[in-house]
Amino acid sequence: MSEKPARGKGKKKSGDQSAVSWDPQRIRALREHMNMTQQELADELEVRQQTISEWETGLYTPRRSTQKYLTMVAERAGFPYQVDRKASVSTPEAERPEVQEGERS
């Protein structure tokens, strides 16, 4: 399965408002949340272990179909993330900044 280089990311369709941005940190966070090795996640996604490593280091990004599957796996595993509908990017709850009362605009 050949993957697309990270620098060659295409634009997202404007209609895809619930897309999850599967960046290297998010992929690793999902794998760790599921208590899996790279090999175990690779087996789940039917890719090579090297592919998982390349995603986690940012060398390549998952294809769109794989990103959709990653989202399904994340939902099934109860991986906490929130979709930012304005930017079509989701952020794991652990990475969201806390908003103090009175700081909201």
PDB file of N, CA and C in Angstrom:
ATOM      1  N   MET A   1       0.847  -1.165   0.000  1.00  0.00           N
ATOM      2  CA  MET A   1       0.000   0.000   0.000  1.00  0.00           C
ATOM      3  C   MET A   1       0.891   1.227   0.000  1.00  0.00           C
ATOM      4  N   SER A   2       0.895   1.998  -1.038  1.00  0.00           N
ATOM      5  CA  SER A   2       1.732   3.177  -1.134  1.00  0.00           C
ATOM      6  C   SER A   2       1.009   4.356  -0.508  1.00  0.00           C
ATOM      7  N   GLU A   3       1.747   5.123   0.277  1.00  0.00           N
ATOM      8  CA  GLU A   3       1.151   6.254   0.989  1.00  0.00           C
ATOM      9  C   GLU A   3       1.636   7.569   0.391  1.00  0.00           C
ATOM     10  N   LYS A   4       0.906   8.628   0.648  1.00  0.00           N
ATOM     11  CA  LYS A   4       1.175   9.935   0.116  1.00  0.00           C
ATOM     12  C   LYS A   4       2.132  10.700   1.033  1.00  0.00           C
ATOM     13  N   PRO A   5       3.145  11.392   0.494  1.00  0.00           N
ATOM     14  CA  PRO A   5       4.049  12.164   1.344  1.00  0.00           C
ATOM     15  C   PRO A   5       3.299  13.250   2.106  1.00  0.00           C
ATOM     16  N   ALA A   6       3.759  13.553   3.334  1.00  0.00           N
ATOM     17  CA  ALA A   6       3.109  14.539   4.195  1.00  0.00           C
ATOM     18  C   ALA A   6       3.063  15.910   3.545  1.00  0.00           C
ATOM     19  N   ARG A   7       4.120  16.280   2.818  1.00  0.00           N
ATOM     20  CA  ARG A   7       4.152  17.604   2.208  1.00  0.00           C
ATOM     21  C   ARG A   7       3.200  17.733   1.037  1.00  0.00           C
ATOM     22  N   GLY A   8       2.680  16.641   0.541  1.00  0.00           N
ATOM     23  CA  GLY A   8       1.786  16.668  -0.605  1.00  0.00           C
ATOM     24  C   GLY A   8       0.322  16.605  -0.212  1.00  0.00           C
ATOM     25  N   LYS A   9      -0.015  17.078   0.986  1.00  0.00           N
ATOM     26  CA  LYS A   9      -1.404  17.009   1.435  1.00  0.00           C
ATOM     27  C   LYS A   9      -2.286  17.845   0.520  1.00  0.00           C
ATOM     28  N   GLY A  10      -3.410  17.276   0.129  1.00  0.00           N
ATOM     29  CA  GLY A  10      -4.353  18.000  -0.703  1.00  0.00           C
ATOM     30  C   GLY A  10      -5.336  18.765   0.156  1.00  0.00           C
ATOM     31  N   LYS A  11      -6.089  19.655  -0.482  1.00  0.00           N
ATOM     32  CA  LYS A  11      -7.108  20.405   0.240  1.00  0.00           C
ATOM     33  C   LYS A  11      -8.282  19.496   0.545  1.00  0.00           C
ATOM     34  N   LYS A  12      -8.919  19.761   1.676  1.00  0.00           N
ATOM     35  CA  LYS A  12     -10.105  18.992   2.037  1.00  0.00           C
ATOM     36  C   LYS A  12     -11.308  19.584   1.339  1.00  0.00           C
ATOM     37  N   LYS A  13     -12.227  18.727   1.012  1.00  0.00           N
ATOM     38  CA  LYS A  13     -13.465  19.207   0.416  1.00  0.00           C
ATOM     39  C   LYS A  13     -14.216  20.018   1.450  1.00  0.00           C
ATOM     40  N   SER A  14     -14.819  21.112   1.026  1.00  0.00           N
ATOM     41  CA  SER A  14     -15.531  21.965   1.960  1.00  0.00           C
ATOM     42  C   SER A  14     -16.739  21.262   2.571  1.00  0.00           C
ATOM     43  N   GLY A  15     -17.267  20.266   1.907  1.00  0.00           N
ATOM     44  CA  GLY A  15     -18.416  19.548   2.429  1.00  0.00           C
ATOM     45  C   GLY A  15     -18.070  18.553   3.514  1.00  0.00           C
ATOM     46  N   ASP A  16     -16.778  18.235   3.693  1.00  0.00           N
ATOM     47  CA  ASP A  16     -16.341  17.250   4.675  1.00  0.00           C
ATOM     48  C   ASP A  16     -16.090  17.935   6.009  1.00  0.00           C
ATOM     49  N   GLN A  17     -17.147  18.272   6.727  1.00  0.00           N
ATOM     50  CA  GLN A  17     -17.065  19.039   7.959  1.00  0.00           C
ATOM     51  C   GLN A  17     -16.682  18.214   9.170  1.00  0.00           C
ATOM     52  N   SER A  18     -16.723  16.895   9.095  1.00  0.00           N
ATOM     53  CA  SER A  18     -16.433  16.089  10.268  1.00  0.00           C
ATOM     54  C   SER A  18     -15.135  15.300  10.124  1.00  0.00           C
ATOM     55  N   ALA A  19     -14.263  15.738   9.231  1.00  0.00           N
ATOM     56  CA  ALA A  19     -13.011  15.023   9.001  1.00  0.00           C
ATOM     57  C   ALA A  19     -12.082  15.160  10.202  1.00  0.00           C
ATOM     58  N   VAL A  20     -11.383  14.096  10.492  1.00  0.00           N
ATOM     59  CA  VAL A  20     -10.393  14.106  11.544  1.00  0.00           C
ATOM     60  C   VAL A  20      -9.043  14.260  10.882  1.00  0.00           C
ATOM     61  N   SER A  21      -8.231  15.169  11.383  1.00  0.00           N
ATOM     62  CA  SER A  21      -6.890  15.352  10.848  1.00  0.00           C
ATOM     63  C   SER A  21      -5.966  14.364  11.546  1.00  0.00           C
ATOM     64  N   TRP A  22      -5.584  13.307  10.856  1.00  0.00           N
ATOM     65  CA  TRP A  22      -4.756  12.257  11.451  1.00  0.00           C
ATOM     66  C   TRP A  22      -3.286  12.618  11.294  1.00  0.00           C
ATOM     67  N   ASP A  23      -2.810  13.504  12.168  1.00  0.00           N
ATOM     68  CA  ASP A  23      -1.408  13.889  12.172  1.00  0.00           C
ATOM     69  C   ASP A  23      -0.600  12.870  12.981  1.00  0.00           C
ATOM     70  N   PRO A  24       0.726  12.952  12.933  1.00  0.00           N
ATOM     71  CA  PRO A  24       1.550  11.950  13.626  1.00  0.00           C
ATOM     72  C   PRO A  24       1.244  11.807  15.122  1.00  0.00           C
ATOM     73  N   GLN A  25       1.030  12.909  15.806  1.00  0.00           N
ATOM     74  CA  GLN A  25       0.747  12.850  17.249  1.00  0.00           C
ATOM     75  C   GLN A  25      -0.573  12.157  17.536  1.00  0.00           C
ATOM     76  N   ARG A  26      -1.568  12.425  16.715  1.00  0.00           N
ATOM     77  CA  ARG A  26      -2.887  11.828  16.927  1.00  0.00           C
ATOM     78  C   ARG A  26      -2.861  10.322  16.659  1.00  0.00           C
ATOM     79  N   ILE A  27      -2.115   9.900  15.636  1.00  0.00           N
ATOM     80  CA  ILE A  27      -2.018   8.470  15.323  1.00  0.00           C
ATOM     81  C   ILE A  27      -1.340   7.741  16.481  1.00  0.00           C
ATOM     82  N   ARG A  28      -0.247   8.303  16.976  1.00  0.00           N
ATOM     83  CA  ARG A  28       0.452   7.667  18.096  1.00  0.00           C
ATOM     84  C   ARG A  28      -0.421   7.666  19.351  1.00  0.00           C
ATOM     85  N   ALA A  29      -1.135   8.776  19.591  1.00  0.00           N
ATOM     86  CA  ALA A  29      -2.013   8.853  20.766  1.00  0.00           C
ATOM     87  C   ALA A  29      -3.113   7.789  20.688  1.00  0.00           C
ATOM     88  N   LEU A  30      -3.664   7.572  19.498  1.00  0.00           N
ATOM     89  CA  LEU A  30      -4.682   6.531  19.329  1.00  0.00           C
ATOM     90  C   LEU A  30      -4.093   5.163  19.635  1.00  0.00           C
ATOM     91  N   ARG A  31      -2.918   4.894  19.073  1.00  0.00           N
ATOM     92  CA  ARG A  31      -2.280   3.588  19.286  1.00  0.00           C
ATOM     93  C   ARG A  31      -2.002   3.365  20.768  1.00  0.00           C
ATOM     94  N   GLU A  32      -1.489   4.389  21.446  1.00  0.00           N
ATOM     95  CA  GLU A  32      -1.200   4.263  22.876  1.00  0.00           C
ATOM     96  C   GLU A  32      -2.485   4.135  23.691  1.00  0.00           C
ATOM     97  N   HIS A  33      -3.533   4.852  23.287  1.00  0.00           N
ATOM     98  CA  HIS A  33      -4.824   4.744  23.964  1.00  0.00           C
ATOM     99  C   HIS A  33      -5.349   3.311  23.900  1.00  0.00           C
ATOM    100  N   MET A  34      -5.086   2.654  22.785  1.00  0.00           N
ATOM    101  CA  MET A  34      -5.553   1.282  22.592  1.00  0.00           C
ATOM    102  C   MET A  34      -4.567   0.254  23.158  1.00  0.00           C
ATOM    103  N   ASN A  35      -3.468   0.739  23.762  1.00  0.00           N
ATOM    104  CA  ASN A  35      -2.429  -0.142  24.320  1.00  0.00           C
ATOM    105  C   ASN A  35      -1.930  -1.139  23.270  1.00  0.00           C
ATOM    106  N   MET A  36      -1.630  -0.626  22.085  1.00  0.00           N
ATOM    107  CA  MET A  36      -1.177  -1.475  20.982  1.00  0.00           C
ATOM    108  C   MET A  36       0.244  -1.119  20.593  1.00  0.00           C
ATOM    109  N   THR A  37       0.947  -2.108  20.069  1.00  0.00           N
ATOM    110  CA  THR A  37       2.239  -1.862  19.438  1.00  0.00           C
ATOM    111  C   THR A  37       1.965  -1.378  18.017  1.00  0.00           C
ATOM    112  N   GLN A  38       3.010  -0.892  17.366  1.00  0.00           N
ATOM    113  CA  GLN A  38       2.853  -0.506  15.966  1.00  0.00           C
ATOM    114  C   GLN A  38       2.425  -1.705  15.131  1.00  0.00           C
ATOM    115  N   GLN A  39       2.975  -2.875  15.436  1.00  0.00           N
ATOM    116  CA  GLN A  39       2.627  -4.080  14.676  1.00  0.00           C
ATOM    117  C   GLN A  39       1.157  -4.441  14.862  1.00  0.00           C
ATOM    118  N   GLU A  40       0.660  -4.331  16.093  1.00  0.00           N
ATOM    119  CA  GLU A  40      -0.750  -4.670  16.349  1.00  0.00           C
ATOM    120  C   GLU A  40      -1.690  -3.709  15.620  1.00  0.00           C
ATOM    121  N   LEU A  41      -1.359  -2.415  15.637  1.00  0.00           N
ATOM    122  CA  LEU A  41      -2.194  -1.450  14.917  1.00  0.00           C
ATOM    123  C   LEU A  41      -2.100  -1.702  13.409  1.00  0.00           C
ATOM    124  N   ALA A  42      -0.905  -2.037  12.945  1.00  0.00           N
ATOM    125  CA  ALA A  42      -0.729  -2.346  11.526  1.00  0.00           C
ATOM    126  C   ALA A  42      -1.600  -3.535  11.123  1.00  0.00           C
ATOM    127  N   ASP A  43      -1.632  -4.557  11.974  1.00  0.00           N
ATOM    128  CA  ASP A  43      -2.472  -5.723  11.686  1.00  0.00           C
ATOM    129  C   ASP A  43      -3.945  -5.330  11.632  1.00  0.00           C
ATOM    130  N   GLU A  44      -4.368  -4.468  12.553  1.00  0.00           N
ATOM    131  CA  GLU A  44      -5.769  -4.005  12.596  1.00  0.00           C
ATOM    132  C   GLU A  44      -6.140  -3.252  11.314  1.00  0.00           C
ATOM    133  N   LEU A  45      -5.206  -2.413  10.833  1.00  0.00           N
ATOM    134  CA  LEU A  45      -5.469  -1.584   9.656  1.00  0.00           C
ATOM    135  C   LEU A  45      -5.064  -2.241   8.339  1.00  0.00           C
ATOM    136  N   GLU A  46      -4.473  -3.448   8.443  1.00  0.00           N
ATOM    137  CA  GLU A  46      -4.001  -4.182   7.274  1.00  0.00           C
ATOM    138  C   GLU A  46      -2.964  -3.400   6.474  1.00  0.00           C
ATOM    139  N   VAL A  47      -1.987  -2.843   7.225  1.00  0.00           N
ATOM    140  CA  VAL A  47      -0.840  -2.177   6.618  1.00  0.00           C
ATOM    141  C   VAL A  47       0.422  -2.750   7.265  1.00  0.00           C
ATOM    142  N   ARG A  48       1.586  -2.348   6.783  1.00  0.00           N
ATOM    143  CA  ARG A  48       2.838  -2.819   7.368  1.00  0.00           C
ATOM    144  C   ARG A  48       3.159  -2.043   8.644  1.00  0.00           C
ATOM    145  N   GLN A  49       3.934  -2.626   9.528  1.00  0.00           N
ATOM    146  CA  GLN A  49       4.378  -1.931  10.740  1.00  0.00           C
ATOM    147  C   GLN A  49       5.182  -0.693  10.349  1.00  0.00           C
ATOM    148  N   GLN A  50       5.968  -0.803   9.292  1.00  0.00           N
ATOM    149  CA  GLN A  50       6.768   0.323   8.821  1.00  0.00           C
ATOM    150  C   GLN A  50       5.874   1.504   8.429  1.00  0.00           C
ATOM    151  N   THR A  51       4.708   1.214   7.887  1.00  0.00           N
ATOM    152  CA  THR A  51       3.768   2.273   7.504  1.00  0.00           C
ATOM    153  C   THR A  51       3.311   3.046   8.731  1.00  0.00           C
ATOM    154  N   ILE A  52       2.991   2.330   9.820  1.00  0.00           N
ATOM    155  CA  ILE A  52       2.584   2.998  11.067  1.00  0.00           C
ATOM    156  C   ILE A  52       3.724   3.890  11.551  1.00  0.00           C
ATOM    157  N   SER A  53       4.943   3.377  11.518  1.00  0.00           N
ATOM    158  CA  SER A  53       6.113   4.151  11.924  1.00  0.00           C
ATOM    159  C   SER A  53       6.258   5.411  11.069  1.00  0.00           C
ATOM    160  N   GLU A  54       6.070   5.273   9.767  1.00  0.00           N
ATOM    161  CA  GLU A  54       6.180   6.421   8.861  1.00  0.00           C
ATOM    162  C   GLU A  54       5.095   7.458   9.131  1.00  0.00           C
ATOM    163  N   TRP A  55       3.891   7.020   9.483  1.00  0.00           N
ATOM    164  CA  TRP A  55       2.836   7.956   9.845  1.00  0.00           C
ATOM    165  C   TRP A  55       3.189   8.681  11.139  1.00  0.00           C
ATOM    166  N   GLU A  56       3.679   7.938  12.126  1.00  0.00           N
ATOM    167  CA  GLU A  56       3.974   8.517  13.436  1.00  0.00           C
ATOM    168  C   GLU A  56       5.173   9.462  13.405  1.00  0.00           C
ATOM    169  N   THR A  57       6.062   9.289  12.445  1.00  0.00           N
ATOM    170  CA  THR A  57       7.212  10.188  12.322  1.00  0.00           C
ATOM    171  C   THR A  57       6.928  11.336  11.353  1.00  0.00           C
ATOM    172  N   GLY A  58       5.797  11.296  10.691  1.00  0.00           N
ATOM    173  CA  GLY A  58       5.417  12.364   9.775  1.00  0.00           C
ATOM    174  C   GLY A  58       6.003  12.228   8.380  1.00  0.00           C
ATOM    175  N   LEU A  59       6.628  11.107   8.094  1.00  0.00           N
ATOM    176  CA  LEU A  59       7.201  10.892   6.760  1.00  0.00           C
ATOM    177  C   LEU A  59       6.099  10.784   5.711  1.00  0.00           C
ATOM    178  N   TYR A  60       5.021  10.105   6.057  1.00  0.00           N
ATOM    179  CA  TYR A  60       3.862   9.949   5.181  1.00  0.00           C
ATOM    180  C   TYR A  60       2.583  10.183   5.971  1.00  0.00           C
ATOM    181  N   THR A  61       1.493  10.433   5.264  1.00  0.00           N
ATOM    182  CA  THR A  61       0.184  10.548   5.896  1.00  0.00           C
ATOM    183  C   THR A  61      -0.713   9.438   5.362  1.00  0.00           C
ATOM    184  N   PRO A  62      -1.657   8.991   6.179  1.00  0.00           N
ATOM    185  CA  PRO A  62      -2.572   7.947   5.703  1.00  0.00           C
ATOM    186  C   PRO A  62      -3.437   8.448   4.546  1.00  0.00           C
ATOM    187  N   ARG A  63      -3.779   7.536   3.661  1.00  0.00           N
ATOM    188  CA  ARG A  63      -4.711   7.861   2.579  1.00  0.00           C
ATOM    189  C   ARG A  63      -6.081   8.171   3.178  1.00  0.00           C
ATOM    190  N   ARG A  64      -6.908   8.819   2.381  1.00  0.00           N
ATOM    191  CA  ARG A  64      -8.237   9.210   2.847  1.00  0.00           C
ATOM    192  C   ARG A  64      -9.044   8.005   3.355  1.00  0.00           C
ATOM    193  N   SER A  65      -9.013   6.892   2.619  1.00  0.00           N
ATOM    194  CA  SER A  65      -9.774   5.719   3.046  1.00  0.00           C
ATOM    195  C   SER A  65      -9.246   5.176   4.380  1.00  0.00           C
ATOM    196  N   THR A  66      -7.930   5.220   4.560  1.00  0.00           N
ATOM    197  CA  THR A  66      -7.336   4.761   5.812  1.00  0.00           C
ATOM    198  C   THR A  66      -7.671   5.728   6.938  1.00  0.00           C
ATOM    199  N   GLN A  67      -7.716   7.028   6.641  1.00  0.00           N
ATOM    200  CA  GLN A  67      -8.084   8.016   7.656  1.00  0.00           C
ATOM    201  C   GLN A  67      -9.512   7.776   8.145  1.00  0.00           C
ATOM    202  N   LYS A  68     -10.394   7.427   7.225  1.00  0.00           N
ATOM    203  CA  LYS A  68     -11.779   7.133   7.617  1.00  0.00           C
ATOM    204  C   LYS A  68     -11.816   5.893   8.508  1.00  0.00           C
ATOM    205  N   TYR A  69     -10.994   4.894   8.176  1.00  0.00           N
ATOM    206  CA  TYR A  69     -10.943   3.682   8.982  1.00  0.00           C
ATOM    207  C   TYR A  69     -10.336   3.980  10.355  1.00  0.00           C
ATOM    208  N   LEU A  70      -9.302   4.830  10.384  1.00  0.00           N
ATOM    209  CA  LEU A  70      -8.717   5.249  11.668  1.00  0.00           C
ATOM    210  C   LEU A  70      -9.790   5.916  12.543  1.00  0.00           C
ATOM    211  N   THR A  71     -10.627   6.722  11.936  1.00  0.00           N
ATOM    212  CA  THR A  71     -11.705   7.385  12.675  1.00  0.00           C
ATOM    213  C   THR A  71     -12.679   6.357  13.242  1.00  0.00           C
ATOM    214  N   MET A  72     -13.030   5.355  12.453  1.00  0.00           N
ATOM    215  CA  MET A  72     -13.942   4.309  12.950  1.00  0.00           C
ATOM    216  C   MET A  72     -13.297   3.528  14.092  1.00  0.00           C
ATOM    217  N   VAL A  73     -12.020   3.203  13.949  1.00  0.00           N
ATOM    218  CA  VAL A  73     -11.294   2.476  15.001  1.00  0.00           C
ATOM    219  C   VAL A  73     -11.249   3.331  16.270  1.00  0.00           C
ATOM    220  N   ALA A  74     -10.990   4.619  16.118  1.00  0.00           N
ATOM    221  CA  ALA A  74     -10.915   5.533  17.257  1.00  0.00           C
ATOM    222  C   ALA A  74     -12.252   5.614  17.985  1.00  0.00           C
ATOM    223  N   GLU A  75     -13.327   5.706  17.231  1.00  0.00           N
ATOM    224  CA  GLU A  75     -14.659   5.765  17.842  1.00  0.00           C
ATOM    225  C   GLU A  75     -14.977   4.477  18.582  1.00  0.00           C
ATOM    226  N   ARG A  76     -14.647   3.351  17.974  1.00  0.00           N
ATOM    227  CA  ARG A  76     -14.899   2.051  18.600  1.00  0.00           C
ATOM    228  C   ARG A  76     -14.077   1.901  19.884  1.00  0.00           C
ATOM    229  N   ALA A  77     -12.865   2.473  19.906  1.00  0.00           N
ATOM    230  CA  ALA A  77     -11.983   2.371  21.068  1.00  0.00           C
ATOM    231  C   ALA A  77     -12.280   3.431  22.123  1.00  0.00           C
ATOM    232  N   GLY A  78     -13.200   4.337  21.827  1.00  0.00           N
ATOM    233  CA  GLY A  78     -13.512   5.399  22.777  1.00  0.00           C
ATOM    234  C   GLY A  78     -12.401   6.430  22.883  1.00  0.00           C
ATOM    235  N   PHE A  79     -11.669   6.634  21.785  1.00  0.00           N
ATOM    236  CA  PHE A  79     -10.575   7.615  21.760  1.00  0.00           C
ATOM    237  C   PHE A  79     -11.181   9.015  21.828  1.00  0.00           C
ATOM    238  N   PRO A  80     -10.804   9.801  22.838  1.00  0.00           N
ATOM    239  CA  PRO A  80     -11.431  11.114  23.038  1.00  0.00           C
ATOM    240  C   PRO A  80     -10.868  12.184  22.098  1.00  0.00           C
ATOM    241  N   TYR A  81     -11.668  12.605  21.155  1.00  0.00           N
ATOM    242  CA  TYR A  81     -11.284  13.721  20.305  1.00  0.00           C
ATOM    243  C   TYR A  81     -12.529  14.527  19.999  1.00  0.00           C
ATOM    244  N   GLN A  82     -12.323  15.769  19.619  1.00  0.00           N
ATOM    245  CA  GLN A  82     -13.438  16.643  19.296  1.00  0.00           C
ATOM    246  C   GLN A  82     -13.211  17.201  17.900  1.00  0.00           C
ATOM    247  N   VAL A  83     -14.244  17.211  17.089  1.00  0.00           N
ATOM    248  CA  VAL A  83     -14.144  17.740  15.734  1.00  0.00           C
ATOM    249  C   VAL A  83     -14.366  19.238  15.788  1.00  0.00           C
ATOM    250  N   ASP A  84     -13.410  19.991  15.240  1.00  0.00           N
ATOM    251  CA  ASP A  84     -13.538  21.439  15.123  1.00  0.00           C
ATOM    252  C   ASP A  84     -14.182  21.706  13.782  1.00  0.00           C
ATOM    253  N   ARG A  85     -15.455  21.953  13.776  1.00  0.00           N
ATOM    254  CA  ARG A  85     -16.199  22.081  12.522  1.00  0.00           C
ATOM    255  C   ARG A  85     -15.774  23.296  11.701  1.00  0.00           C
ATOM    256  N   LYS A  86     -15.241  24.340  12.320  1.00  0.00           N
ATOM    257  CA  LYS A  86     -14.801  25.519  11.574  1.00  0.00           C
ATOM    258  C   LYS A  86     -13.602  25.187  10.703  1.00  0.00           C
ATOM    259  N   ALA A  87     -12.634  24.479  11.273  1.00  0.00           N
ATOM    260  CA  ALA A  87     -11.391  24.204  10.554  1.00  0.00           C
ATOM    261  C   ALA A  87     -11.327  22.787  10.006  1.00  0.00           C
ATOM    262  N   SER A  88     -12.350  21.978  10.257  1.00  0.00           N
ATOM    263  CA  SER A  88     -12.365  20.576   9.857  1.00  0.00           C
ATOM    264  C   SER A  88     -11.178  19.812  10.420  1.00  0.00           C
ATOM    265  N   VAL A  89     -10.795  20.164  11.639  1.00  0.00           N
ATOM    266  CA  VAL A  89      -9.699  19.489  12.322  1.00  0.00           C
ATOM    267  C   VAL A  89     -10.195  19.103  13.697  1.00  0.00           C
ATOM    268  N   SER A  90      -9.837  17.926  14.145  1.00  0.00           N
ATOM    269  CA  SER A  90     -10.253  17.515  15.471  1.00  0.00           C
ATOM    270  C   SER A  90      -9.053  17.509  16.402  1.00  0.00           C
ATOM    271  N   THR A  91      -9.334  17.721  17.668  1.00  0.00           N
ATOM    272  CA  THR A  91      -8.300  17.777  18.680  1.00  0.00           C
ATOM    273  C   THR A  91      -8.642  16.808  19.782  1.00  0.00           C
ATOM    274  N   PRO A  92      -7.692  15.937  20.161  1.00  0.00           N
ATOM    275  CA  PRO A  92      -7.973  15.063  21.296  1.00  0.00           C
ATOM    276  C   PRO A  92      -8.263  15.906  22.530  1.00  0.00           C
ATOM    277  N   GLU A  93      -9.177  15.446  23.356  1.00  0.00           N
ATOM    278  CA  GLU A  93      -9.553  16.208  24.538  1.00  0.00           C
ATOM    279  C   GLU A  93      -8.357  16.541  25.409  1.00  0.00           C
ATOM    280  N   ALA A  94      -7.380  15.657  25.485  1.00  0.00           N
ATOM    281  CA  ALA A  94      -6.209  15.888  26.316  1.00  0.00           C
ATOM    282  C   ALA A  94      -5.373  17.065  25.818  1.00  0.00           C
ATOM    283  N   GLU A  95      -5.480  17.427  24.535  1.00  0.00           N
ATOM    284  CA  GLU A  95      -4.692  18.513  23.976  1.00  0.00           C
ATOM    285  C   GLU A  95      -5.442  19.833  23.942  1.00  0.00           C
ATOM    286  N   ARG A  96      -6.740  19.834  24.257  1.00  0.00           N
ATOM    287  CA  ARG A  96      -7.505  21.074  24.202  1.00  0.00           C
ATOM    288  C   ARG A  96      -7.154  21.957  25.382  1.00  0.00           C
ATOM    289  N   PRO A  97      -6.942  23.266  25.148  1.00  0.00           N
ATOM    290  CA  PRO A  97      -6.661  24.164  26.270  1.00  0.00           C
ATOM    291  C   PRO A  97      -7.913  24.339  27.118  1.00  0.00           C
ATOM    292  N   GLU A  98      -7.706  24.460  28.408  1.00  0.00           N
ATOM    293  CA  GLU A  98      -8.826  24.687  29.316  1.00  0.00           C
ATOM    294  C   GLU A  98      -9.275  26.136  29.175  1.00  0.00           C
ATOM    295  N   VAL A  99     -10.567  26.346  29.125  1.00  0.00           N
ATOM    296  CA  VAL A  99     -11.118  27.705  29.039  1.00  0.00           C
ATOM    297  C   VAL A  99     -11.667  28.054  30.397  1.00  0.00           C
ATOM    298  N   GLN A 100     -11.106  29.119  30.976  1.00  0.00           N
ATOM    299  CA  GLN A 100     -11.559  29.574  32.287  1.00  0.00           C
ATOM    300  C   GLN A 100     -12.808  30.421  32.118  1.00  0.00           C
ATOM    301  N   GLU A 101     -13.646  30.424  33.115  1.00  0.00           N
ATOM    302  CA  GLU A 101     -14.855  31.241  33.087  1.00  0.00           C
ATOM    303  C   GLU A 101     -14.461  32.687  32.867  1.00  0.00           C
ATOM    304  N   GLY A 102     -15.116  33.367  31.947  1.00  0.00           N
ATOM    305  CA  GLY A 102     -14.822  34.753  31.649  1.00  0.00           C
ATOM    306  C   GLY A 102     -13.843  34.911  30.488  1.00  0.00           C
ATOM    307  N   GLU A 103     -13.206  33.837  30.022  1.00  0.00           N
ATOM    308  CA  GLU A 103     -12.280  33.915  28.909  1.00  0.00           C
ATOM    309  C   GLU A 103     -12.965  33.705  27.574  1.00  0.00           C
ATOM    310  N   ARG A 104     -14.167  33.251  27.592  1.00  0.00           N
ATOM    311  CA  ARG A 104     -14.879  32.995  26.334  1.00  0.00           C
ATOM    312  C   ARG A 104     -15.243  34.295  25.665  1.00  0.00           C
ATOM    313  N   SER A 105     -15.173  34.322  24.317  1.00  0.00           N
ATOM    314  CA  SER A 105     -15.522  35.551  23.608  1.00  0.00           C
ATOM    315  C   SER A 105     -16.955  35.555  23.183  1.00  0.00           C
TER     316      SER A 105
END
